[in-house]
Amino acid sequence: MAENVTLHGYHSSVYMRAARMALALKGVPYAEVEVNPFDEAGRAGLMALNPFGRVPVLAHGGFTLYETAAITGYVDRAFDGPALMPEGAQPAARAAQVIGIVDAYAYVPLVRQVFSHGVFRPAEGHQGSAEVVAEGLRVAPRVLGALEAIAAEGLVLGEGLTRADCHLAPMVDAFCRHEAGAAMLGDFPALSGWWARVKEEPVVVASDPGLPG
């Protein structure tokens, strides 16, 4: 049942985009409520939904859920539509591994460091830190190398979109908006080939929040 589905989150968040993609792939209609976790008032309201003050938060009827991996997993199981996890123990494990790598190792260097300081803050008219960008670029090859091996193996990140693609695509898109990030991705042929295909998918294009300004 897809009635009364609401997604609370920050428009520009890569995690919000991952949730949007999962909902779109399942064909679930939903309402979106903008909450800025970086704003004092927005964070105060968010704390009523998530004690950690993070986005997104999914509400489905009387059921409320936070943590993006939990949300995309719930969306996959709760609603009709194409399965968002591959069949088979090994492909499903690889998809879960990609989601874990994205959360634990990719988000900070690719998004919080390279994208936020090198792209997003300047787009907002704020000063970014060249040192923070440089640190993200220093760390990123290790993350990209791990994802390259998975993409080259071919169990996931191939034809058809899964939860792994939902979580990874927003991160890679953000990273590639920085010139040095886009150049670096080219050093990883399987991963860059995956991104060249995925970035043209309608659900990826439609979920793009764009840049401020």
N, C-alpha and C. Protein backbone atom coordinates (compact mmCIF):
# COMPACT_ATOMS: atom_id res chain seq x y z
N MET A 1 0.84 -1.20 0.00
CA MET A 1 0.00 0.00 0.00
C MET A 1 0.87 1.24 0.00
N ALA A 2 0.67 2.13 -0.97
CA ALA A 2 1.55 3.27 -1.14
C ALA A 2 0.94 4.58 -0.66
N GLU A 3 -0.28 4.51 -0.07
CA GLU A 3 -0.89 5.76 0.34
C GLU A 3 -0.18 6.33 1.56
N ASN A 4 -0.23 7.65 1.70
CA ASN A 4 0.32 8.34 2.86
C ASN A 4 1.81 8.09 3.05
N VAL A 5 2.56 8.20 1.97
CA VAL A 5 4.02 8.09 2.05
C VAL A 5 4.60 9.50 1.99
N THR A 6 5.42 9.83 2.98
CA THR A 6 6.04 11.15 3.04
C THR A 6 7.53 10.98 3.27
N LEU A 7 8.32 11.72 2.51
CA LEU A 7 9.76 11.71 2.65
C LEU A 7 10.20 13.07 3.16
N HIS A 8 10.74 13.09 4.37
CA HIS A 8 11.24 14.32 4.98
C HIS A 8 12.75 14.39 4.72
N GLY A 9 13.22 15.53 4.20
CA GLY A 9 14.64 15.62 3.96
C GLY A 9 15.07 16.94 3.35
N TYR A 10 16.37 17.05 3.20
CA TYR A 10 17.02 18.23 2.65
C TYR A 10 17.18 18.03 1.14
N HIS A 11 16.67 18.95 0.35
CA HIS A 11 16.60 18.80 -1.10
C HIS A 11 17.93 18.39 -1.71
N SER A 12 19.03 18.96 -1.24
CA SER A 12 20.33 18.74 -1.87
C SER A 12 21.07 17.52 -1.34
N SER A 13 20.52 16.83 -0.37
CA SER A 13 21.21 15.70 0.26
C SER A 13 21.35 14.52 -0.70
N VAL A 14 22.55 13.94 -0.74
CA VAL A 14 22.75 12.74 -1.56
C VAL A 14 21.96 11.57 -1.01
N TYR A 15 21.76 11.53 0.30
CA TYR A 15 20.97 10.45 0.89
C TYR A 15 19.49 10.62 0.57
N MET A 16 19.03 11.85 0.54
CA MET A 16 17.66 12.12 0.11
C MET A 16 17.47 11.65 -1.33
N ARG A 17 18.47 11.90 -2.15
CA ARG A 17 18.38 11.48 -3.56
C ARG A 17 18.33 9.96 -3.67
N ALA A 18 19.09 9.26 -2.85
CA ALA A 18 19.05 7.79 -2.87
C ALA A 18 17.65 7.28 -2.56
N ALA A 19 17.01 7.89 -1.55
CA ALA A 19 15.64 7.49 -1.20
C ALA A 19 14.67 7.83 -2.32
N ARG A 20 14.83 9.00 -2.93
CA ARG A 20 13.98 9.38 -4.07
C ARG A 20 14.08 8.35 -5.20
N MET A 21 15.31 7.94 -5.49
CA MET A 21 15.52 6.98 -6.57
C MET A 21 14.83 5.66 -6.29
N ALA A 22 14.94 5.18 -5.05
CA ALA A 22 14.30 3.91 -4.70
C ALA A 22 12.78 4.01 -4.84
N LEU A 23 12.21 5.09 -4.35
CA LEU A 23 10.76 5.27 -4.46
C LEU A 23 10.33 5.35 -5.93
N ALA A 24 11.11 6.05 -6.74
CA ALA A 24 10.78 6.18 -8.16
C ALA A 24 10.87 4.84 -8.88
N LEU A 25 11.90 4.06 -8.56
CA LEU A 25 12.05 2.76 -9.22
C LEU A 25 10.90 1.82 -8.88
N LYS A 26 10.35 1.95 -7.68
CA LYS A 26 9.20 1.13 -7.28
C LYS A 26 7.87 1.72 -7.73
N GLY A 27 7.90 2.95 -8.26
CA GLY A 27 6.68 3.59 -8.70
C GLY A 27 5.78 4.03 -7.57
N VAL A 28 6.39 4.44 -6.45
CA VAL A 28 5.62 4.83 -5.26
C VAL A 28 5.37 6.33 -5.27
N PRO A 29 4.13 6.79 -5.27
CA PRO A 29 3.86 8.23 -5.13
C PRO A 29 4.09 8.65 -3.68
N TYR A 30 4.63 9.83 -3.50
CA TYR A 30 4.93 10.29 -2.14
C TYR A 30 4.94 11.80 -2.10
N ALA A 31 4.78 12.32 -0.91
CA ALA A 31 4.93 13.76 -0.67
C ALA A 31 6.32 14.00 -0.10
N GLU A 32 6.88 15.15 -0.43
CA GLU A 32 8.22 15.49 0.06
C GLU A 32 8.13 16.73 0.94
N VAL A 33 8.70 16.65 2.13
CA VAL A 33 8.70 17.76 3.07
C VAL A 33 10.15 18.20 3.27
N GLU A 34 10.43 19.46 2.95
CA GLU A 34 11.79 19.99 3.05
C GLU A 34 12.15 20.27 4.50
N VAL A 35 13.28 19.70 4.93
CA VAL A 35 13.82 19.93 6.27
C VAL A 35 15.32 20.14 6.11
N ASN A 36 15.82 21.26 6.60
CA ASN A 36 17.25 21.55 6.52
C ASN A 36 17.92 21.20 7.84
N PRO A 37 18.70 20.11 7.88
CA PRO A 37 19.33 19.71 9.14
C PRO A 37 20.46 20.63 9.57
N PHE A 38 20.88 21.53 8.68
CA PHE A 38 21.95 22.47 9.00
C PHE A 38 21.41 23.78 9.56
N ASP A 39 20.08 23.91 9.57
CA ASP A 39 19.41 25.09 10.11
C ASP A 39 18.89 24.74 11.50
N GLU A 40 19.04 25.67 12.45
CA GLU A 40 18.67 25.37 13.84
C GLU A 40 17.20 25.01 13.96
N ALA A 41 16.33 25.76 13.30
CA ALA A 41 14.90 25.48 13.37
C ALA A 41 14.57 24.16 12.69
N GLY A 42 15.18 23.93 11.54
CA GLY A 42 14.94 22.69 10.82
C GLY A 42 15.41 21.49 11.60
N ARG A 43 16.56 21.61 12.22
CA ARG A 43 17.09 20.49 13.01
C ARG A 43 16.21 20.21 14.21
N ALA A 44 15.69 21.26 14.82
CA ALA A 44 14.81 21.07 15.98
C ALA A 44 13.58 20.27 15.60
N GLY A 45 12.97 20.59 14.45
CA GLY A 45 11.82 19.84 14.00
C GLY A 45 12.17 18.42 13.62
N LEU A 46 13.36 18.25 13.05
CA LEU A 46 13.80 16.93 12.62
C LEU A 46 14.02 16.00 13.80
N MET A 47 14.45 16.55 14.93
CA MET A 47 14.73 15.72 16.09
C MET A 47 13.49 14.97 16.57
N ALA A 48 12.32 15.49 16.26
CA ALA A 48 11.08 14.79 16.63
C ALA A 48 10.89 13.53 15.80
N LEU A 49 11.52 13.48 14.63
CA LEU A 49 11.41 12.32 13.74
C LEU A 49 12.61 11.40 13.84
N ASN A 50 13.77 11.97 14.09
CA ASN A 50 15.01 11.20 14.17
C ASN A 50 15.86 11.79 15.29
N PRO A 51 16.11 11.05 16.35
CA PRO A 51 16.85 11.60 17.49
C PRO A 51 18.29 11.99 17.15
N PHE A 52 18.77 11.55 15.99
CA PHE A 52 20.12 11.91 15.56
C PHE A 52 20.14 13.11 14.63
N GLY A 53 18.96 13.62 14.28
CA GLY A 53 18.87 14.84 13.48
C GLY A 53 19.37 14.72 12.06
N ARG A 54 19.23 13.55 11.47
CA ARG A 54 19.72 13.33 10.10
C ARG A 54 18.55 13.12 9.14
N VAL A 55 18.83 13.35 7.87
CA VAL A 55 17.84 13.09 6.82
C VAL A 55 18.38 11.98 5.91
N PRO A 56 17.43 11.30 5.22
CA PRO A 56 15.98 11.49 5.19
C PRO A 56 15.28 10.70 6.27
N VAL A 57 13.98 10.99 6.40
CA VAL A 57 13.08 10.21 7.24
C VAL A 57 11.86 9.86 6.40
N LEU A 58 11.48 8.60 6.41
CA LEU A 58 10.31 8.14 5.66
C LEU A 58 9.16 7.89 6.62
N ALA A 59 7.99 8.41 6.28
CA ALA A 59 6.77 8.12 7.03
C ALA A 59 5.80 7.41 6.10
N HIS A 60 5.31 6.26 6.53
CA HIS A 60 4.33 5.48 5.75
C HIS A 60 3.17 5.16 6.67
N GLY A 61 2.11 5.94 6.53
CA GLY A 61 1.02 5.80 7.48
C GLY A 61 1.52 6.16 8.87
N GLY A 62 1.38 5.27 9.82
CA GLY A 62 1.86 5.52 11.18
C GLY A 62 3.26 5.01 11.44
N PHE A 63 3.94 4.54 10.40
CA PHE A 63 5.29 3.97 10.55
C PHE A 63 6.33 4.99 10.11
N THR A 64 7.29 5.27 10.98
CA THR A 64 8.35 6.24 10.68
C THR A 64 9.70 5.54 10.73
N LEU A 65 10.55 5.85 9.75
CA LEU A 65 11.82 5.14 9.60
C LEU A 65 12.91 6.11 9.20
N TYR A 66 14.07 6.01 9.84
CA TYR A 66 15.24 6.77 9.43
C TYR A 66 16.40 5.81 9.19
N GLU A 67 17.50 6.33 8.65
CA GLU A 67 18.66 5.62 8.12
C GLU A 67 18.35 5.20 6.68
N THR A 68 19.14 5.72 5.74
CA THR A 68 18.83 5.58 4.33
C THR A 68 18.81 4.13 3.86
N ALA A 69 19.76 3.32 4.34
CA ALA A 69 19.77 1.91 3.93
C ALA A 69 18.51 1.19 4.41
N ALA A 70 18.05 1.53 5.61
CA ALA A 70 16.81 0.95 6.11
C ALA A 70 15.63 1.41 5.27
N ILE A 71 15.64 2.67 4.87
CA ILE A 71 14.55 3.22 4.06
C ILE A 71 14.48 2.54 2.69
N THR A 72 15.61 2.44 2.00
CA THR A 72 15.57 1.82 0.67
C THR A 72 15.23 0.34 0.77
N GLY A 73 15.66 -0.32 1.84
CA GLY A 73 15.29 -1.71 2.04
C GLY A 73 13.80 -1.87 2.30
N TYR A 74 13.25 -0.97 3.09
CA TYR A 74 11.81 -1.01 3.38
C TYR A 74 11.01 -0.74 2.11
N VAL A 75 11.41 0.25 1.36
CA VAL A 75 10.71 0.58 0.11
C VAL A 75 10.69 -0.64 -0.82
N ASP A 76 11.80 -1.35 -0.89
CA ASP A 76 11.88 -2.52 -1.75
C ASP A 76 10.91 -3.61 -1.31
N ARG A 77 10.77 -3.79 0.01
CA ARG A 77 9.95 -4.88 0.52
C ARG A 77 8.47 -4.51 0.67
N ALA A 78 8.19 -3.25 0.93
CA ALA A 78 6.83 -2.84 1.28
C ALA A 78 5.94 -2.57 0.08
N PHE A 79 6.54 -2.32 -1.07
CA PHE A 79 5.75 -1.87 -2.22
C PHE A 79 5.95 -2.78 -3.43
N ASP A 80 4.93 -2.82 -4.26
CA ASP A 80 5.02 -3.56 -5.52
C ASP A 80 6.02 -2.86 -6.45
N GLY A 81 6.40 -3.59 -7.49
CA GLY A 81 7.34 -3.02 -8.44
C GLY A 81 8.56 -3.92 -8.58
N PRO A 82 9.50 -3.53 -9.42
CA PRO A 82 10.68 -4.37 -9.65
C PRO A 82 11.52 -4.50 -8.38
N ALA A 83 12.09 -5.68 -8.19
CA ALA A 83 12.96 -5.91 -7.03
C ALA A 83 14.20 -5.03 -7.14
N LEU A 84 14.60 -4.46 -6.02
CA LEU A 84 15.76 -3.56 -6.00
C LEU A 84 17.01 -4.23 -5.44
N MET A 85 16.93 -5.53 -5.18
CA MET A 85 18.11 -6.31 -4.83
C MET A 85 18.22 -7.46 -5.82
N PRO A 86 19.44 -7.77 -6.26
CA PRO A 86 19.60 -8.86 -7.22
C PRO A 86 19.30 -10.21 -6.59
N GLU A 87 18.93 -11.17 -7.41
CA GLU A 87 18.71 -12.52 -6.94
C GLU A 87 20.05 -13.22 -6.72
N GLY A 88 20.07 -14.17 -5.80
CA GLY A 88 21.28 -14.92 -5.54
C GLY A 88 22.03 -14.36 -4.36
N ALA A 89 22.61 -15.25 -3.57
CA ALA A 89 23.29 -14.84 -2.34
C ALA A 89 24.47 -13.92 -2.62
N GLN A 90 25.28 -14.26 -3.60
CA GLN A 90 26.49 -13.47 -3.84
C GLN A 90 26.19 -12.09 -4.44
N PRO A 91 25.35 -11.98 -5.47
CA PRO A 91 25.01 -10.64 -5.95
C PRO A 91 24.35 -9.78 -4.88
N ALA A 92 23.45 -10.37 -4.09
CA ALA A 92 22.79 -9.60 -3.03
C ALA A 92 23.79 -9.14 -1.98
N ALA A 93 24.75 -10.00 -1.67
CA ALA A 93 25.79 -9.62 -0.70
C ALA A 93 26.65 -8.49 -1.25
N ARG A 94 26.98 -8.54 -2.53
CA ARG A 94 27.77 -7.47 -3.13
C ARG A 94 27.00 -6.15 -3.11
N ALA A 95 25.70 -6.20 -3.40
CA ALA A 95 24.91 -4.98 -3.35
C ALA A 95 24.92 -4.38 -1.95
N ALA A 96 24.76 -5.24 -0.94
CA ALA A 96 24.81 -4.76 0.44
C ALA A 96 26.19 -4.21 0.77
N GLN A 97 27.23 -4.84 0.22
CA GLN A 97 28.60 -4.36 0.45
C GLN A 97 28.81 -2.97 -0.13
N VAL A 98 28.29 -2.75 -1.33
CA VAL A 98 28.41 -1.41 -1.94
C VAL A 98 27.74 -0.37 -1.06
N ILE A 99 26.55 -0.68 -0.56
CA ILE A 99 25.84 0.26 0.31
C ILE A 99 26.67 0.55 1.56
N GLY A 100 27.29 -0.48 2.13
CA GLY A 100 28.13 -0.28 3.30
C GLY A 100 29.36 0.56 3.01
N ILE A 101 30.01 0.31 1.87
CA ILE A 101 31.19 1.09 1.48
C ILE A 101 30.82 2.55 1.29
N VAL A 102 29.70 2.79 0.63
CA VAL A 102 29.25 4.16 0.40
C VAL A 102 29.08 4.90 1.72
N ASP A 103 28.39 4.27 2.66
CA ASP A 103 28.12 4.93 3.94
C ASP A 103 29.38 5.13 4.77
N ALA A 104 30.21 4.09 4.84
CA ALA A 104 31.35 4.11 5.76
C ALA A 104 32.57 4.83 5.21
N TYR A 105 32.79 4.75 3.90
CA TYR A 105 34.06 5.22 3.34
C TYR A 105 33.95 6.25 2.22
N ALA A 106 32.84 6.29 1.50
CA ALA A 106 32.75 7.18 0.34
C ALA A 106 32.18 8.54 0.66
N TYR A 107 31.21 8.60 1.56
CA TYR A 107 30.47 9.85 1.77
C TYR A 107 31.38 11.00 2.19
N VAL A 108 32.26 10.77 3.13
CA VAL A 108 33.08 11.88 3.64
C VAL A 108 34.02 12.42 2.57
N PRO A 109 34.89 11.60 1.96
CA PRO A 109 35.80 12.20 0.97
C PRO A 109 35.12 12.69 -0.30
N LEU A 110 34.18 11.92 -0.83
CA LEU A 110 33.58 12.28 -2.11
C LEU A 110 32.60 13.44 -1.99
N VAL A 111 31.82 13.44 -0.91
CA VAL A 111 30.74 14.43 -0.79
C VAL A 111 31.09 15.53 0.20
N ARG A 112 31.35 15.18 1.46
CA ARG A 112 31.56 16.20 2.48
C ARG A 112 32.83 17.00 2.25
N GLN A 113 33.83 16.40 1.62
CA GLN A 113 35.09 17.10 1.40
C GLN A 113 35.18 17.67 -0.02
N VAL A 114 35.23 16.82 -1.03
CA VAL A 114 35.45 17.31 -2.39
C VAL A 114 34.26 18.11 -2.91
N PHE A 115 33.06 17.53 -2.83
CA PHE A 115 31.88 18.22 -3.38
C PHE A 115 31.48 19.42 -2.54
N SER A 116 31.34 19.24 -1.25
CA SER A 116 30.85 20.34 -0.41
C SER A 116 31.77 21.54 -0.45
N HIS A 117 33.08 21.30 -0.33
CA HIS A 117 34.02 22.43 -0.27
C HIS A 117 34.44 22.91 -1.66
N GLY A 118 34.44 22.01 -2.63
CA GLY A 118 34.90 22.40 -3.96
C GLY A 118 33.82 22.84 -4.92
N VAL A 119 32.55 22.49 -4.62
CA VAL A 119 31.46 22.78 -5.55
C VAL A 119 30.28 23.45 -4.84
N PHE A 120 29.73 22.81 -3.82
CA PHE A 120 28.47 23.27 -3.23
C PHE A 120 28.63 24.60 -2.49
N ARG A 121 29.63 24.70 -1.66
CA ARG A 121 29.81 25.96 -0.91
C ARG A 121 30.07 27.14 -1.85
N PRO A 122 30.95 27.01 -2.83
CA PRO A 122 31.11 28.12 -3.77
C PRO A 122 29.82 28.46 -4.51
N ALA A 123 29.00 27.45 -4.84
CA ALA A 123 27.74 27.72 -5.52
C ALA A 123 26.79 28.51 -4.63
N GLU A 124 26.91 28.33 -3.32
CA GLU A 124 26.09 29.09 -2.36
C GLU A 124 26.67 30.47 -2.07
N GLY A 125 27.86 30.73 -2.59
CA GLY A 125 28.52 32.00 -2.32
C GLY A 125 29.38 31.98 -1.09
N HIS A 126 29.70 30.78 -0.58
CA HIS A 126 30.54 30.65 0.60
C HIS A 126 31.93 30.16 0.21
N GLN A 127 32.86 30.38 1.10
CA GLN A 127 34.24 29.96 0.87
C GLN A 127 34.41 28.48 1.21
N GLY A 128 34.95 27.72 0.28
CA GLY A 128 35.31 26.34 0.56
C GLY A 128 36.77 26.27 0.97
N SER A 129 37.17 25.13 1.50
CA SER A 129 38.55 24.93 1.94
C SER A 129 39.31 24.09 0.93
N ALA A 130 40.35 24.66 0.34
CA ALA A 130 41.17 23.91 -0.60
C ALA A 130 41.86 22.74 0.09
N GLU A 131 42.19 22.92 1.36
CA GLU A 131 42.85 21.85 2.12
C GLU A 131 41.91 20.67 2.31
N VAL A 132 40.64 20.95 2.58
CA VAL A 132 39.66 19.87 2.76
C VAL A 132 39.45 19.14 1.44
N VAL A 133 39.36 19.87 0.34
CA VAL A 133 39.22 19.25 -0.98
C VAL A 133 40.42 18.35 -1.26
N ALA A 134 41.61 18.84 -0.98
CA ALA A 134 42.82 18.06 -1.23
C ALA A 134 42.84 16.78 -0.41
N GLU A 135 42.37 16.85 0.82
CA GLU A 135 42.32 15.65 1.66
C GLU A 135 41.34 14.64 1.09
N GLY A 136 40.19 15.12 0.62
CA GLY A 136 39.23 14.21 0.00
C GLY A 136 39.79 13.54 -1.24
N LEU A 137 40.49 14.30 -2.05
CA LEU A 137 41.10 13.74 -3.26
C LEU A 137 42.22 12.76 -2.92
N ARG A 138 42.88 12.97 -1.80
CA ARG A 138 43.94 12.05 -1.36
C ARG A 138 43.35 10.70 -0.96
N VAL A 139 42.22 10.73 -0.28
CA VAL A 139 41.60 9.52 0.25
C VAL A 139 40.77 8.79 -0.81
N ALA A 140 40.20 9.53 -1.75
CA ALA A 140 39.22 8.96 -2.69
C ALA A 140 39.71 7.75 -3.48
N PRO A 141 40.98 7.69 -3.94
CA PRO A 141 41.39 6.53 -4.75
C PRO A 141 41.21 5.19 -4.06
N ARG A 142 41.37 5.15 -2.76
CA ARG A 142 41.18 3.88 -2.04
C ARG A 142 39.73 3.43 -2.13
N VAL A 143 38.82 4.38 -1.97
CA VAL A 143 37.39 4.07 -2.06
C VAL A 143 37.03 3.66 -3.49
N LEU A 144 37.47 4.46 -4.45
CA LEU A 144 37.15 4.17 -5.85
C LEU A 144 37.75 2.85 -6.29
N GLY A 145 38.93 2.53 -5.77
CA GLY A 145 39.55 1.25 -6.11
C GLY A 145 38.74 0.06 -5.63
N ALA A 146 38.20 0.16 -4.42
CA ALA A 146 37.36 -0.91 -3.89
C ALA A 146 36.10 -1.07 -4.73
N LEU A 147 35.50 0.04 -5.11
CA LEU A 147 34.29 -0.01 -5.94
C LEU A 147 34.61 -0.47 -7.36
N GLU A 148 35.79 -0.14 -7.85
CA GLU A 148 36.23 -0.58 -9.18
C GLU A 148 36.28 -2.11 -9.24
N ALA A 149 36.84 -2.72 -8.21
CA ALA A 149 36.93 -4.18 -8.18
C ALA A 149 35.55 -4.82 -8.22
N ILE A 150 34.61 -4.23 -7.49
CA ILE A 150 33.25 -4.77 -7.47
C ILE A 150 32.57 -4.58 -8.82
N ALA A 151 32.73 -3.40 -9.41
CA ALA A 151 32.13 -3.15 -10.72
C ALA A 151 32.71 -4.08 -11.78
N ALA A 152 34.01 -4.31 -11.72
CA ALA A 152 34.67 -5.17 -12.71
C ALA A 152 34.24 -6.63 -12.55
N GLU A 153 33.95 -7.04 -11.33
CA GLU A 153 33.51 -8.42 -11.07
C GLU A 153 32.19 -8.72 -11.78
N GLY A 154 31.29 -7.75 -11.78
CA GLY A 154 30.06 -7.88 -12.55
C GLY A 154 28.86 -8.47 -11.84
N LEU A 155 28.96 -8.74 -10.54
CA LEU A 155 27.80 -9.26 -9.82
C LEU A 155 26.75 -8.19 -9.59
N VAL A 156 27.20 -6.96 -9.39
CA VAL A 156 26.30 -5.81 -9.27
C VAL A 156 26.89 -4.66 -10.07
N LEU A 157 26.18 -3.53 -10.09
CA LEU A 157 26.60 -2.35 -10.85
C LEU A 157 26.71 -2.67 -12.34
N GLY A 158 25.79 -3.52 -12.78
CA GLY A 158 25.73 -3.87 -14.20
C GLY A 158 24.42 -3.40 -14.80
N GLU A 159 23.79 -4.27 -15.56
CA GLU A 159 22.51 -3.92 -16.17
C GLU A 159 21.40 -3.95 -15.12
N GLY A 160 20.50 -3.00 -15.20
CA GLY A 160 19.42 -2.93 -14.22
C GLY A 160 19.87 -2.22 -12.97
N LEU A 161 18.98 -1.46 -12.38
CA LEU A 161 19.30 -0.66 -11.20
C LEU A 161 18.87 -1.38 -9.93
N THR A 162 19.73 -1.36 -8.93
CA THR A 162 19.45 -1.96 -7.64
C THR A 162 19.61 -0.90 -6.55
N ARG A 163 19.40 -1.32 -5.31
CA ARG A 163 19.64 -0.40 -4.20
C ARG A 163 21.09 0.07 -4.18
N ALA A 164 22.02 -0.77 -4.61
CA ALA A 164 23.42 -0.36 -4.66
C ALA A 164 23.60 0.85 -5.57
N ASP A 165 22.94 0.84 -6.71
CA ASP A 165 23.01 1.98 -7.63
C ASP A 165 22.37 3.22 -7.01
N CYS A 166 21.26 3.02 -6.30
CA CYS A 166 20.58 4.15 -5.65
C CYS A 166 21.49 4.85 -4.66
N HIS A 167 22.27 4.08 -3.92
CA HIS A 167 23.15 4.67 -2.90
C HIS A 167 24.42 5.25 -3.51
N LEU A 168 24.96 4.58 -4.53
CA LEU A 168 26.24 5.01 -5.08
C LEU A 168 26.13 6.16 -6.07
N ALA A 169 25.10 6.16 -6.91
CA ALA A 169 25.01 7.17 -7.97
C ALA A 169 25.03 8.60 -7.46
N PRO A 170 24.29 8.95 -6.40
CA PRO A 170 24.36 10.34 -5.92
C PRO A 170 25.75 10.75 -5.46
N MET A 171 26.49 9.80 -4.86
CA MET A 171 27.84 10.12 -4.38
C MET A 171 28.79 10.37 -5.54
N VAL A 172 28.74 9.49 -6.54
CA VAL A 172 29.64 9.64 -7.69
C VAL A 172 29.28 10.89 -8.48
N ASP A 173 28.00 11.17 -8.63
CA ASP A 173 27.59 12.38 -9.33
C ASP A 173 28.15 13.62 -8.64
N ALA A 174 28.00 13.67 -7.32
CA ALA A 174 28.52 14.82 -6.57
C ALA A 174 30.03 14.96 -6.75
N PHE A 175 30.74 13.85 -6.63
CA PHE A 175 32.20 13.85 -6.75
C PHE A 175 32.63 14.34 -8.13
N CYS A 176 31.93 13.90 -9.17
CA CYS A 176 32.31 14.25 -10.54
C CYS A 176 31.97 15.68 -10.92
N ARG A 177 31.22 16.38 -10.07
CA ARG A 177 30.95 17.79 -10.35
C ARG A 177 32.17 18.66 -10.07
N HIS A 178 33.13 18.08 -9.38
CA HIS A 178 34.43 18.75 -9.23
C HIS A 178 35.34 18.24 -10.35
N GLU A 179 36.01 19.15 -11.01
CA GLU A 179 36.83 18.78 -12.17
C GLU A 179 37.84 17.69 -11.84
N ALA A 180 38.49 17.82 -10.68
CA ALA A 180 39.49 16.81 -10.31
C ALA A 180 38.84 15.47 -9.99
N GLY A 181 37.62 15.50 -9.44
CA GLY A 181 36.90 14.27 -9.17
C GLY A 181 36.53 13.55 -10.46
N ALA A 182 36.02 14.29 -11.43
CA ALA A 182 35.67 13.69 -12.72
C ALA A 182 36.89 13.10 -13.40
N ALA A 183 38.01 13.80 -13.32
CA ALA A 183 39.24 13.29 -13.93
C ALA A 183 39.70 12.02 -13.23
N MET A 184 39.60 11.99 -11.92
CA MET A 184 40.04 10.83 -11.15
C MET A 184 39.18 9.60 -11.47
N LEU A 185 37.89 9.80 -11.62
CA LEU A 185 37.02 8.65 -11.91
C LEU A 185 37.45 7.96 -13.19
N GLY A 186 37.98 8.72 -14.14
CA GLY A 186 38.44 8.13 -15.40
C GLY A 186 39.56 7.14 -15.24
N ASP A 187 40.24 7.15 -14.09
CA ASP A 187 41.31 6.18 -13.83
C ASP A 187 40.76 4.81 -13.44
N PHE A 188 39.46 4.70 -13.30
CA PHE A 188 38.82 3.45 -12.86
C PHE A 188 37.81 3.04 -13.93
N PRO A 189 38.24 2.26 -14.93
CA PRO A 189 37.43 2.05 -16.13
C PRO A 189 36.09 1.35 -15.89
N ALA A 190 36.05 0.36 -15.03
CA ALA A 190 34.77 -0.33 -14.80
C ALA A 190 33.79 0.59 -14.10
N LEU A 191 34.27 1.33 -13.12
CA LEU A 191 33.40 2.24 -12.38
C LEU A 191 32.96 3.41 -13.25
N SER A 192 33.88 3.96 -14.03
CA SER A 192 33.50 5.07 -14.90
C SER A 192 32.57 4.61 -16.01
N GLY A 193 32.73 3.36 -16.47
CA GLY A 193 31.79 2.82 -17.44
C GLY A 193 30.40 2.65 -16.86
N TRP A 194 30.35 2.20 -15.60
CA TRP A 194 29.06 2.11 -14.91
C TRP A 194 28.41 3.48 -14.83
N TRP A 195 29.18 4.50 -14.44
CA TRP A 195 28.61 5.84 -14.28
C TRP A 195 28.15 6.41 -15.62
N ALA A 196 28.90 6.15 -16.68
CA ALA A 196 28.50 6.64 -18.00
C ALA A 196 27.13 6.09 -18.40
N ARG A 197 26.83 4.86 -18.01
CA ARG A 197 25.52 4.27 -18.31
C ARG A 197 24.44 4.81 -17.37
N VAL A 198 24.74 4.77 -16.09
CA VAL A 198 23.73 5.06 -15.07
C VAL A 198 23.29 6.52 -15.10
N LYS A 199 24.19 7.43 -15.37
CA LYS A 199 23.83 8.85 -15.30
C LYS A 199 22.78 9.24 -16.33
N GLU A 200 22.57 8.41 -17.35
CA GLU A 200 21.55 8.68 -18.35
C GLU A 200 20.20 8.07 -18.01
N GLU A 201 20.14 7.26 -16.95
CA GLU A 201 18.88 6.63 -16.56
C GLU A 201 17.87 7.70 -16.13
N PRO A 202 16.62 7.58 -16.57
CA PRO A 202 15.63 8.61 -16.22
C PRO A 202 15.50 8.86 -14.73
N VAL A 203 15.58 7.82 -13.91
CA VAL A 203 15.43 8.01 -12.47
C VAL A 203 16.60 8.79 -11.88
N VAL A 204 17.77 8.65 -12.47
CA VAL A 204 18.94 9.41 -12.01
C VAL A 204 18.81 10.87 -12.42
N VAL A 205 18.40 11.09 -13.65
CA VAL A 205 18.23 12.45 -14.15
C VAL A 205 17.14 13.18 -13.37
N ALA A 206 16.01 12.52 -13.16
CA ALA A 206 14.87 13.16 -12.50
C ALA A 206 15.13 13.46 -11.04
N SER A 207 16.00 12.69 -10.39
CA SER A 207 16.26 12.87 -8.96
C SER A 207 17.34 13.90 -8.67
N ASP A 208 17.98 14.42 -9.71
CA ASP A 208 19.08 15.38 -9.55
C ASP A 208 18.57 16.67 -8.91
N PRO A 209 19.08 17.03 -7.72
CA PRO A 209 18.61 18.26 -7.08
C PRO A 209 19.22 19.53 -7.66
N GLY A 210 20.27 19.38 -8.48
CA GLY A 210 20.95 20.56 -9.01
C GLY A 210 21.77 21.26 -7.95
N LEU A 211 22.30 22.41 -8.31
CA LEU A 211 23.11 23.22 -7.40
C LEU A 211 22.36 24.49 -7.03
N PRO A 212 22.66 25.05 -5.87
CA PRO A 212 22.02 26.32 -5.50
C PRO A 212 22.46 27.45 -6.40
N GLY A 213 21.62 28.47 -6.47
CA GLY A 213 21.98 29.65 -7.24
C GLY A 213 21.49 29.60 -8.68
